[in-house]
């Protein structure tokens, strides 16, 4: 389904028209200098259930560029007594 797009200027001038479109269960994209910045969706519209679905949607509209590299967390080395020493320094 293609979405109707309006610039911010057009959206302000045609707000009632946008509401009529959304009432018909359609989505409207608002752009700023041809870059999507907002989406008007029908109340109660289904949202992607998974994080992957949300990331795909954001990537589709150009809001994010997903990494091609897998995420690798670096483990934090715990030093016994470090937090106690930190708290003691803060009190001095």
PDB file of N, CA and C in Angstrom:
ATOM      1  N   UNK A   1       0.849  -1.171   0.000  1.00  0.00           N
ATOM      2  CA  UNK A   1       0.000   0.000   0.000  1.00  0.00           C
ATOM      3  C   UNK A   1       0.896   1.236   0.000  1.00  0.00           C
ATOM      4  N   UNK A   2       0.653   2.148  -0.895  1.00  0.00           N
ATOM      5  CA  UNK A   2       1.435   3.382  -0.920  1.00  0.00           C
ATOM      6  C   UNK A   2       0.828   4.378   0.066  1.00  0.00           C
ATOM      7  N   UNK A   3       1.686   5.162   0.651  1.00  0.00           N
ATOM      8  CA  UNK A   3       1.251   6.151   1.628  1.00  0.00           C
ATOM      9  C   UNK A   3       1.192   7.508   0.955  1.00  0.00           C
ATOM     10  N   UNK A   4       0.225   8.301   1.353  1.00  0.00           N
ATOM     11  CA  UNK A   4       0.139   9.680   0.887  1.00  0.00           C
ATOM     12  C   UNK A   4       1.137  10.488   1.701  1.00  0.00           C
ATOM     13  N   UNK A   5       1.881  11.371   1.034  1.00  0.00           N
ATOM     14  CA  UNK A   5       2.881  12.189   1.727  1.00  0.00           C
ATOM     15  C   UNK A   5       2.547  13.668   1.572  1.00  0.00           C
ATOM     16  N   UNK A   6       2.747  14.403   2.648  1.00  0.00           N
ATOM     17  CA  UNK A   6       2.524  15.845   2.664  1.00  0.00           C
ATOM     18  C   UNK A   6       3.747  16.513   3.288  1.00  0.00           C
ATOM     19  N   UNK A   7       4.113  17.670   2.767  1.00  0.00           N
ATOM     20  CA  UNK A   7       5.149  18.462   3.433  1.00  0.00           C
ATOM     21  C   UNK A   7       4.525  19.058   4.701  1.00  0.00           C
ATOM     22  N   UNK A   8       5.356  19.564   5.581  1.00  0.00           N
ATOM     23  CA  UNK A   8       4.823  20.184   6.799  1.00  0.00           C
ATOM     24  C   UNK A   8       3.873  21.322   6.436  1.00  0.00           C
ATOM     25  N   UNK A   9       4.253  22.127   5.473  1.00  0.00           N
ATOM     26  CA  UNK A   9       3.425  23.247   5.031  1.00  0.00           C
ATOM     27  C   UNK A   9       2.078  22.738   4.523  1.00  0.00           C
ATOM     28  N   UNK A  10       2.094  21.709   3.677  1.00  0.00           N
ATOM     29  CA  UNK A  10       0.848  21.157   3.138  1.00  0.00           C
ATOM     30  C   UNK A  10       0.002  20.539   4.252  1.00  0.00           C
ATOM     31  N   UNK A  11       0.666  19.859   5.193  1.00  0.00           N
ATOM     32  CA  UNK A  11      -0.069  19.207   6.278  1.00  0.00           C
ATOM     33  C   UNK A  11      -0.819  20.223   7.131  1.00  0.00           C
ATOM     34  N   UNK A  12      -0.192  21.372   7.391  1.00  0.00           N
ATOM     35  CA  UNK A  12      -0.877  22.409   8.171  1.00  0.00           C
ATOM     36  C   UNK A  12      -2.078  22.952   7.400  1.00  0.00           C
ATOM     37  N   UNK A  13      -1.911  23.128   6.097  1.00  0.00           N
ATOM     38  CA  UNK A  13      -2.984  23.700   5.285  1.00  0.00           C
ATOM     39  C   UNK A  13      -4.106  22.693   5.010  1.00  0.00           C
ATOM     40  N   UNK A  14      -3.785  21.392   5.036  1.00  0.00           N
ATOM     41  CA  UNK A  14      -4.769  20.365   4.664  1.00  0.00           C
ATOM     42  C   UNK A  14      -5.020  19.370   5.791  1.00  0.00           C
ATOM     43  N   UNK A  15      -4.990  19.847   7.013  1.00  0.00           N
ATOM     44  CA  UNK A  15      -5.139  18.966   8.163  1.00  0.00           C
ATOM     45  C   UNK A  15      -6.439  18.164   8.108  1.00  0.00           C
ATOM     46  N   UNK A  16      -7.546  18.801   7.752  1.00  0.00           N
ATOM     47  CA  UNK A  16      -8.833  18.092   7.694  1.00  0.00           C
ATOM     48  C   UNK A  16      -8.790  16.968   6.664  1.00  0.00           C
ATOM     49  N   UNK A  17      -8.141  17.220   5.538  1.00  0.00           N
ATOM     50  CA  UNK A  17      -8.003  16.194   4.498  1.00  0.00           C
ATOM     51  C   UNK A  17      -7.195  14.995   5.024  1.00  0.00           C
ATOM     52  N   UNK A  18      -6.136  15.289   5.757  1.00  0.00           N
ATOM     53  CA  UNK A  18      -5.305  14.222   6.328  1.00  0.00           C
ATOM     54  C   UNK A  18      -6.126  13.382   7.300  1.00  0.00           C
ATOM     55  N   UNK A  19      -6.929  14.024   8.122  1.00  0.00           N
ATOM     56  CA  UNK A  19      -7.768  13.293   9.075  1.00  0.00           C
ATOM     57  C   UNK A  19      -8.756  12.392   8.334  1.00  0.00           C
ATOM     58  N   UNK A  20      -9.338  12.881   7.249  1.00  0.00           N
ATOM     59  CA  UNK A  20     -10.268  12.045   6.463  1.00  0.00           C
ATOM     60  C   UNK A  20      -9.550  10.815   5.909  1.00  0.00           C
ATOM     61  N   UNK A  21      -8.335  10.995   5.439  1.00  0.00           N
ATOM     62  CA  UNK A  21      -7.558   9.865   4.906  1.00  0.00           C
ATOM     63  C   UNK A  21      -7.278   8.849   6.010  1.00  0.00           C
ATOM     64  N   UNK A  22      -6.865   9.333   7.172  1.00  0.00           N
ATOM     65  CA  UNK A  22      -6.539   8.452   8.289  1.00  0.00           C
ATOM     66  C   UNK A  22      -7.788   7.725   8.789  1.00  0.00           C
ATOM     67  N   UNK A  23      -8.935   8.381   8.757  1.00  0.00           N
ATOM     68  CA  UNK A  23     -10.186   7.728   9.153  1.00  0.00           C
ATOM     69  C   UNK A  23     -10.503   6.531   8.254  1.00  0.00           C
ATOM     70  N   UNK A  24     -10.011   6.562   7.023  1.00  0.00           N
ATOM     71  CA  UNK A  24     -10.207   5.436   6.095  1.00  0.00           C
ATOM     72  C   UNK A  24      -9.156   4.354   6.305  1.00  0.00           C
ATOM     73  N   UNK A  25      -8.491   4.399   7.471  1.00  0.00           N
ATOM     74  CA  UNK A  25      -7.494   3.400   7.868  1.00  0.00           C
ATOM     75  C   UNK A  25      -6.251   3.426   6.994  1.00  0.00           C
ATOM     76  N   UNK A  26      -5.894   4.594   6.502  1.00  0.00           N
ATOM     77  CA  UNK A  26      -4.680   4.769   5.707  1.00  0.00           C
ATOM     78  C   UNK A  26      -3.680   5.584   6.528  1.00  0.00           C
ATOM     79  N   UNK A  27      -2.427   5.438   6.186  1.00  0.00           N
ATOM     80  CA  UNK A  27      -1.359   6.171   6.868  1.00  0.00           C
ATOM     81  C   UNK A  27      -0.928   7.353   6.018  1.00  0.00           C
ATOM     82  N   UNK A  28      -0.513   8.424   6.676  1.00  0.00           N
ATOM     83  CA  UNK A  28      -0.049   9.631   5.986  1.00  0.00           C
ATOM     84  C   UNK A  28       1.351   9.961   6.509  1.00  0.00           C
ATOM     85  N   UNK A  29       2.263  10.227   5.587  1.00  0.00           N
ATOM     86  CA  UNK A  29       3.632  10.580   5.935  1.00  0.00           C
ATOM     87  C   UNK A  29       3.770  12.101   5.857  1.00  0.00           C
ATOM     88  N   UNK A  30       4.413  12.699   6.860  1.00  0.00           N
ATOM     89  CA  UNK A  30       4.705  14.135   6.858  1.00  0.00           C
ATOM     90  C   UNK A  30       6.208  14.274   6.602  1.00  0.00           C
ATOM     91  N   UNK A  31       6.557  15.144   5.651  1.00  0.00           N
ATOM     92  CA  UNK A  31       7.967  15.308   5.295  1.00  0.00           C
ATOM     93  C   UNK A  31       8.453  16.722   5.578  1.00  0.00           C
ATOM     94  N   UNK A  32       9.747  16.823   5.790  1.00  0.00           N
ATOM     95  CA  UNK A  32      10.417  18.115   5.926  1.00  0.00           C
ATOM     96  C   UNK A  32      11.531  18.121   4.890  1.00  0.00           C
ATOM     97  N   UNK A  33      11.367  18.932   3.871  1.00  0.00           N
ATOM     98  CA  UNK A  33      12.312  18.964   2.747  1.00  0.00           C
ATOM     99  C   UNK A  33      12.493  17.588   2.131  1.00  0.00           C
ATOM    100  N   UNK A  34      11.350  16.899   1.939  1.00  0.00           N
ATOM    101  CA  UNK A  34      11.254  15.582   1.307  1.00  0.00           C
ATOM    102  C   UNK A  34      11.841  14.441   2.145  1.00  0.00           C
ATOM    103  N   UNK A  35      12.150  14.708   3.402  1.00  0.00           N
ATOM    104  CA  UNK A  35      12.628  13.664   4.313  1.00  0.00           C
ATOM    105  C   UNK A  35      11.487  13.332   5.271  1.00  0.00           C
ATOM    106  N   UNK A  36      11.070  12.057   5.347  1.00  0.00           N
ATOM    107  CA  UNK A  36       9.988  11.696   6.268  1.00  0.00           C
ATOM    108  C   UNK A  36      10.362  12.014   7.712  1.00  0.00           C
ATOM    109  N   UNK A  37       9.465  12.721   8.408  1.00  0.00           N
ATOM    110  CA  UNK A  37       9.712  13.068   9.809  1.00  0.00           C
ATOM    111  C   UNK A  37       8.607  12.591  10.737  1.00  0.00           C
ATOM    112  N   UNK A  38       7.440  12.270  10.175  1.00  0.00           N
ATOM    113  CA  UNK A  38       6.327  11.820  11.012  1.00  0.00           C
ATOM    114  C   UNK A  38       5.384  10.965  10.184  1.00  0.00           C
ATOM    115  N   UNK A  39       4.612  10.165  10.902  1.00  0.00           N
ATOM    116  CA  UNK A  39       3.609   9.332  10.255  1.00  0.00           C
ATOM    117  C   UNK A  39       2.326   9.457  11.057  1.00  0.00           C
ATOM    118  N   UNK A  40       1.232   9.797  10.389  1.00  0.00           N
ATOM    119  CA  UNK A  40      -0.075   9.874  11.031  1.00  0.00           C
ATOM    120  C   UNK A  40      -0.757   8.547  10.729  1.00  0.00           C
ATOM    121  N   UNK A  41      -1.103   7.826  11.787  1.00  0.00           N
ATOM    122  CA  UNK A  41      -1.693   6.496  11.627  1.00  0.00           C
ATOM    123  C   UNK A  41      -3.056   6.456  12.295  1.00  0.00           C
ATOM    124  N   UNK A  42      -3.924   5.565  11.840  1.00  0.00           N
ATOM    125  CA  UNK A  42      -5.229   5.442  12.497  1.00  0.00           C
ATOM    126  C   UNK A  42      -5.062   5.038  13.957  1.00  0.00           C
ATOM    127  N   UNK A  43      -5.923   5.554  14.814  1.00  0.00           N
ATOM    128  CA  UNK A  43      -5.892   5.211  16.226  1.00  0.00           C
ATOM    129  C   UNK A  43      -6.077   3.707  16.373  1.00  0.00           C
ATOM    130  N   UNK A  44      -5.220   3.090  17.172  1.00  0.00           N
ATOM    131  CA  UNK A  44      -5.325   1.658  17.405  1.00  0.00           C
ATOM    132  C   UNK A  44      -4.722   0.820  16.292  1.00  0.00           C
ATOM    133  N   UNK A  45      -4.001   1.450  15.369  1.00  0.00           N
ATOM    134  CA  UNK A  45      -3.379   0.694  14.279  1.00  0.00           C
ATOM    135  C   UNK A  45      -2.372  -0.287  14.859  1.00  0.00           C
ATOM    136  N   UNK A  46      -2.284  -1.439  14.224  1.00  0.00           N
ATOM    137  CA  UNK A  46      -1.340  -2.450  14.696  1.00  0.00           C
ATOM    138  C   UNK A  46       0.082  -1.955  14.558  1.00  0.00           C
ATOM    139  N   UNK A  47       0.871  -2.226  15.569  1.00  0.00           N
ATOM    140  CA  UNK A  47       2.292  -1.907  15.567  1.00  0.00           C
ATOM    141  C   UNK A  47       3.060  -3.209  15.365  1.00  0.00           C
ATOM    142  N   UNK A  48       4.230  -3.123  14.746  1.00  0.00           N
ATOM    143  CA  UNK A  48       5.035  -4.337  14.626  1.00  0.00           C
ATOM    144  C   UNK A  48       5.283  -4.931  16.008  1.00  0.00           C
ATOM    145  N   UNK A  49       5.116  -6.233  16.120  1.00  0.00           N
ATOM    146  CA  UNK A  49       5.253  -6.865  17.424  1.00  0.00           C
ATOM    147  C   UNK A  49       6.701  -7.105  17.812  1.00  0.00           C
ATOM    148  N   UNK A  50       7.551  -7.347  16.848  1.00  0.00           N
ATOM    149  CA  UNK A  50       8.929  -7.689  17.182  1.00  0.00           C
ATOM    150  C   UNK A  50       9.845  -6.487  16.987  1.00  0.00           C
ATOM    151  N   UNK A  51      10.980  -6.530  17.644  1.00  0.00           N
ATOM    152  CA  UNK A  51      11.976  -5.475  17.470  1.00  0.00           C
ATOM    153  C   UNK A  51      12.481  -5.481  16.038  1.00  0.00           C
ATOM    154  N   UNK A  52      12.582  -6.675  15.433  1.00  0.00           N
ATOM    155  CA  UNK A  52      13.023  -6.767  14.049  1.00  0.00           C
ATOM    156  C   UNK A  52      12.053  -6.043  13.116  1.00  0.00           C
ATOM    157  N   UNK A  53      10.754  -6.183  13.384  1.00  0.00           N
ATOM    158  CA  UNK A  53       9.747  -5.493  12.581  1.00  0.00           C
ATOM    159  C   UNK A  53       9.830  -3.982  12.725  1.00  0.00           C
ATOM    160  N   UNK A  54      10.075  -3.521  13.933  1.00  0.00           N
ATOM    161  CA  UNK A  54      10.218  -2.082  14.174  1.00  0.00           C
ATOM    162  C   UNK A  54      11.470  -1.531  13.498  1.00  0.00           C
ATOM    163  N   UNK A  55      12.568  -2.278  13.582  1.00  0.00           N
ATOM    164  CA  UNK A  55      13.807  -1.846  12.930  1.00  0.00           C
ATOM    165  C   UNK A  55      13.611  -1.793  11.425  1.00  0.00           C
ATOM    166  N   UNK A  56      12.943  -2.799  10.854  1.00  0.00           N
ATOM    167  CA  UNK A  56      12.697  -2.829   9.411  1.00  0.00           C
ATOM    168  C   UNK A  56      11.863  -1.624   8.982  1.00  0.00           C
ATOM    169  N   UNK A  57      10.860  -1.266   9.772  1.00  0.00           N
ATOM    170  CA  UNK A  57      10.013  -0.123   9.434  1.00  0.00           C
ATOM    171  C   UNK A  57      10.808   1.183   9.489  1.00  0.00           C
ATOM    172  N   UNK A  58      11.609   1.364  10.527  1.00  0.00           N
ATOM    173  CA  UNK A  58      12.430   2.571  10.634  1.00  0.00           C
ATOM    174  C   UNK A  58      13.447   2.656   9.502  1.00  0.00           C
ATOM    175  N   UNK A  59      14.007   1.523   9.119  1.00  0.00           N
ATOM    176  CA  UNK A  59      14.959   1.496   8.002  1.00  0.00           C
ATOM    177  C   UNK A  59      14.259   1.834   6.691  1.00  0.00           C
ATOM    178  N   UNK A  60      13.036   1.353   6.533  1.00  0.00           N
ATOM    179  CA  UNK A  60      12.277   1.596   5.306  1.00  0.00           C
ATOM    180  C   UNK A  60      12.019   3.080   5.086  1.00  0.00           C
ATOM    181  N   UNK A  61      11.752   3.816   6.148  1.00  0.00           N
ATOM    182  CA  UNK A  61      11.477   5.249   5.986  1.00  0.00           C
ATOM    183  C   UNK A  61      12.744   6.095   6.092  1.00  0.00           C
ATOM    184  N   UNK A  62      13.886   5.435   6.297  1.00  0.00           N
ATOM    185  CA  UNK A  62      15.154   6.155   6.329  1.00  0.00           C
ATOM    186  C   UNK A  62      15.494   6.792   7.660  1.00  0.00           C
ATOM    187  N   UNK A  63      14.780   6.417   8.720  1.00  0.00           N
ATOM    188  CA  UNK A  63      15.045   6.997  10.032  1.00  0.00           C
ATOM    189  C   UNK A  63      16.314   6.416  10.656  1.00  0.00           C
ATOM    190  N   UNK A  64      16.658   5.184  10.280  1.00  0.00           N
ATOM    191  CA  UNK A  64      17.873   4.555  10.786  1.00  0.00           C
ATOM    192  C   UNK A  64      18.555   3.794   9.654  1.00  0.00           C
ATOM    193  N   UNK A  65      19.811   3.498   9.868  1.00  0.00           N
ATOM    194  CA  UNK A  65      20.553   2.623   8.968  1.00  0.00           C
ATOM    195  C   UNK A  65      21.045   1.470   9.835  1.00  0.00           C
ATOM    196  N   UNK A  66      20.420   0.308   9.705  1.00  0.00           N
ATOM    197  CA  UNK A  66      20.822  -0.820  10.551  1.00  0.00           C
ATOM    198  C   UNK A  66      22.265  -1.239  10.297  1.00  0.00           C
ATOM    199  N   UNK A  67      22.925  -1.658  11.332  1.00  0.00           N
ATOM    200  CA  UNK A  67      24.302  -2.130  11.225  1.00  0.00           C
ATOM    201  C   UNK A  67      24.341  -3.451  10.470  1.00  0.00           C
ATOM    202  N   UNK A  68      25.361  -3.636   9.699  1.00  0.00           N
ATOM    203  CA  UNK A  68      25.557  -4.900   9.000  1.00  0.00           C
ATOM    204  C   UNK A  68      26.378  -5.872   9.853  1.00  0.00           C
ATOM    205  N   UNK A  69      26.963  -5.356  10.929  1.00  0.00           N
ATOM    206  CA  UNK A  69      27.789  -6.158  11.825  1.00  0.00           C
ATOM    207  C   UNK A  69      26.938  -6.661  12.989  1.00  0.00           C
ATOM    208  N   UNK A  70      27.157  -7.890  13.423  1.00  0.00           N
ATOM    209  CA  UNK A  70      26.429  -8.360  14.607  1.00  0.00           C
ATOM    210  C   UNK A  70      26.899  -7.615  15.850  1.00  0.00           C
ATOM    211  N   UNK A  71      25.995  -7.400  16.783  1.00  0.00           N
ATOM    212  CA  UNK A  71      26.334  -6.701  18.023  1.00  0.00           C
ATOM    213  C   UNK A  71      27.105  -7.646  18.929  1.00  0.00           C
ATOM    214  N   UNK A  72      28.232  -7.155  19.421  1.00  0.00           N
ATOM    215  CA  UNK A  72      29.033  -7.943  20.346  1.00  0.00           C
ATOM    216  C   UNK A  72      29.286  -7.111  21.594  1.00  0.00           C
ATOM    217  N   UNK A  73      28.763  -7.563  22.701  1.00  0.00           N
ATOM    218  CA  UNK A  73      28.965  -6.861  23.965  1.00  0.00           C
ATOM    219  C   UNK A  73      30.300  -7.273  24.569  1.00  0.00           C
ATOM    220  N   UNK A  74      31.021  -6.301  25.077  1.00  0.00           N
ATOM    221  CA  UNK A  74      32.283  -6.573  25.756  1.00  0.00           C
ATOM    222  C   UNK A  74      31.995  -6.735  27.239  1.00  0.00           C
ATOM    223  N   UNK A  75      32.380  -7.872  27.811  1.00  0.00           N
ATOM    224  CA  UNK A  75      32.100  -8.063  29.232  1.00  0.00           C
ATOM    225  C   UNK A  75      32.846  -7.045  30.094  1.00  0.00           C
ATOM    226  N   UNK A  76      32.217  -6.639  31.165  1.00  0.00           N
ATOM    227  CA  UNK A  76      32.823  -5.693  32.097  1.00  0.00           C
ATOM    228  C   UNK A  76      33.544  -6.498  33.170  1.00  0.00           C
ATOM    229  N   UNK A  77      34.784  -6.132  33.424  1.00  0.00           N
ATOM    230  CA  UNK A  77      35.567  -6.813  34.455  1.00  0.00           C
ATOM    231  C   UNK A  77      35.245  -6.175  35.802  1.00  0.00           C
ATOM    232  N   UNK A  78      34.784  -6.987  36.716  1.00  0.00           N
ATOM    233  CA  UNK A  78      34.451  -6.496  38.052  1.00  0.00           C
ATOM    234  C   UNK A  78      35.686  -6.537  38.937  1.00  0.00           C
ATOM    235  N   UNK A  79      35.964  -5.433  39.592  1.00  0.00           N
ATOM    236  CA  UNK A  79      37.103  -5.347  40.504  1.00  0.00           C
ATOM    237  C   UNK A  79      36.550  -5.287  41.921  1.00  0.00           C
ATOM    238  N   UNK A  80      36.867  -6.266  42.745  1.00  0.00           N
ATOM    239  CA  UNK A  80      36.341  -6.273  44.112  1.00  0.00           C
ATOM    240  C   UNK A  80      36.701  -4.990  44.859  1.00  0.00           C
ATOM    241  N   UNK A  81      35.700  -4.387  45.492  1.00  0.00           N
ATOM    242  CA  UNK A  81      35.926  -3.194  46.292  1.00  0.00           C
ATOM    243  C   UNK A  81      35.960  -1.888  45.512  1.00  0.00           C
ATOM    244  N   UNK A  82      35.840  -1.926  44.197  1.00  0.00           N
ATOM    245  CA  UNK A  82      35.935  -0.708  43.387  1.00  0.00           C
ATOM    246  C   UNK A  82      34.811   0.269  43.718  1.00  0.00           C
ATOM    247  N   UNK A  83      33.597  -0.228  43.854  1.00  0.00           N
ATOM    248  CA  UNK A  83      32.480   0.682  44.143  1.00  0.00           C
ATOM    249  C   UNK A  83      32.625   1.308  45.528  1.00  0.00           C
ATOM    250  N   UNK A  84      33.131   0.551  46.489  1.00  0.00           N
ATOM    251  CA  UNK A  84      33.354   1.110  47.837  1.00  0.00           C
ATOM    252  C   UNK A  84      34.381   2.234  47.784  1.00  0.00           C
ATOM    253  N   UNK A  85      35.481   2.014  47.035  1.00  0.00           N
ATOM    254  CA  UNK A  85      36.513   3.050  46.912  1.00  0.00           C
ATOM    255  C   UNK A  85      35.953   4.285  46.201  1.00  0.00           C
ATOM    256  N   UNK A  86      35.147   4.053  45.189  1.00  0.00           N
ATOM    257  CA  UNK A  86      34.549   5.178  44.451  1.00  0.00           C
ATOM    258  C   UNK A  86      33.652   6.008  45.366  1.00  0.00           C
ATOM    259  N   UNK A  87      32.822   5.328  46.127  1.00  0.00           N
ATOM    260  CA  UNK A  87      31.905   6.028  47.038  1.00  0.00           C
ATOM    261  C   UNK A  87      32.683   6.786  48.117  1.00  0.00           C
ATOM    262  N   UNK A  88      33.785   6.207  48.608  1.00  0.00           N
ATOM    263  CA  UNK A  88      34.593   6.864  49.630  1.00  0.00           C
ATOM    264  C   UNK A  88      35.230   8.136  49.073  1.00  0.00           C
ATOM    265  N   UNK A  89      35.664   8.121  47.815  1.00  0.00           N
ATOM    266  CA  UNK A  89      36.261   9.316  47.189  1.00  0.00           C
ATOM    267  C   UNK A  89      35.226  10.418  47.050  1.00  0.00           C
ATOM    268  N   UNK A  90      34.002  10.040  46.737  1.00  0.00           N
ATOM    269  CA  UNK A  90      32.941  11.017  46.519  1.00  0.00           C
ATOM    270  C   UNK A  90      32.604  11.770  47.808  1.00  0.00           C
ATOM    271  N   UNK A  91      32.815  11.138  48.942  1.00  0.00           N
ATOM    272  CA  UNK A  91      32.472  11.747  50.229  1.00  0.00           C
ATOM    273  C   UNK A  91      33.551  12.690  50.746  1.00  0.00           C
ATOM    274  N   UNK A  92      34.743  12.593  50.219  1.00  0.00           N
ATOM    275  CA  UNK A  92      35.851  13.433  50.708  1.00  0.00           C
ATOM    276  C   UNK A  92      35.729  14.875  50.293  1.00  0.00           C
TER     277      UNK A  92
END
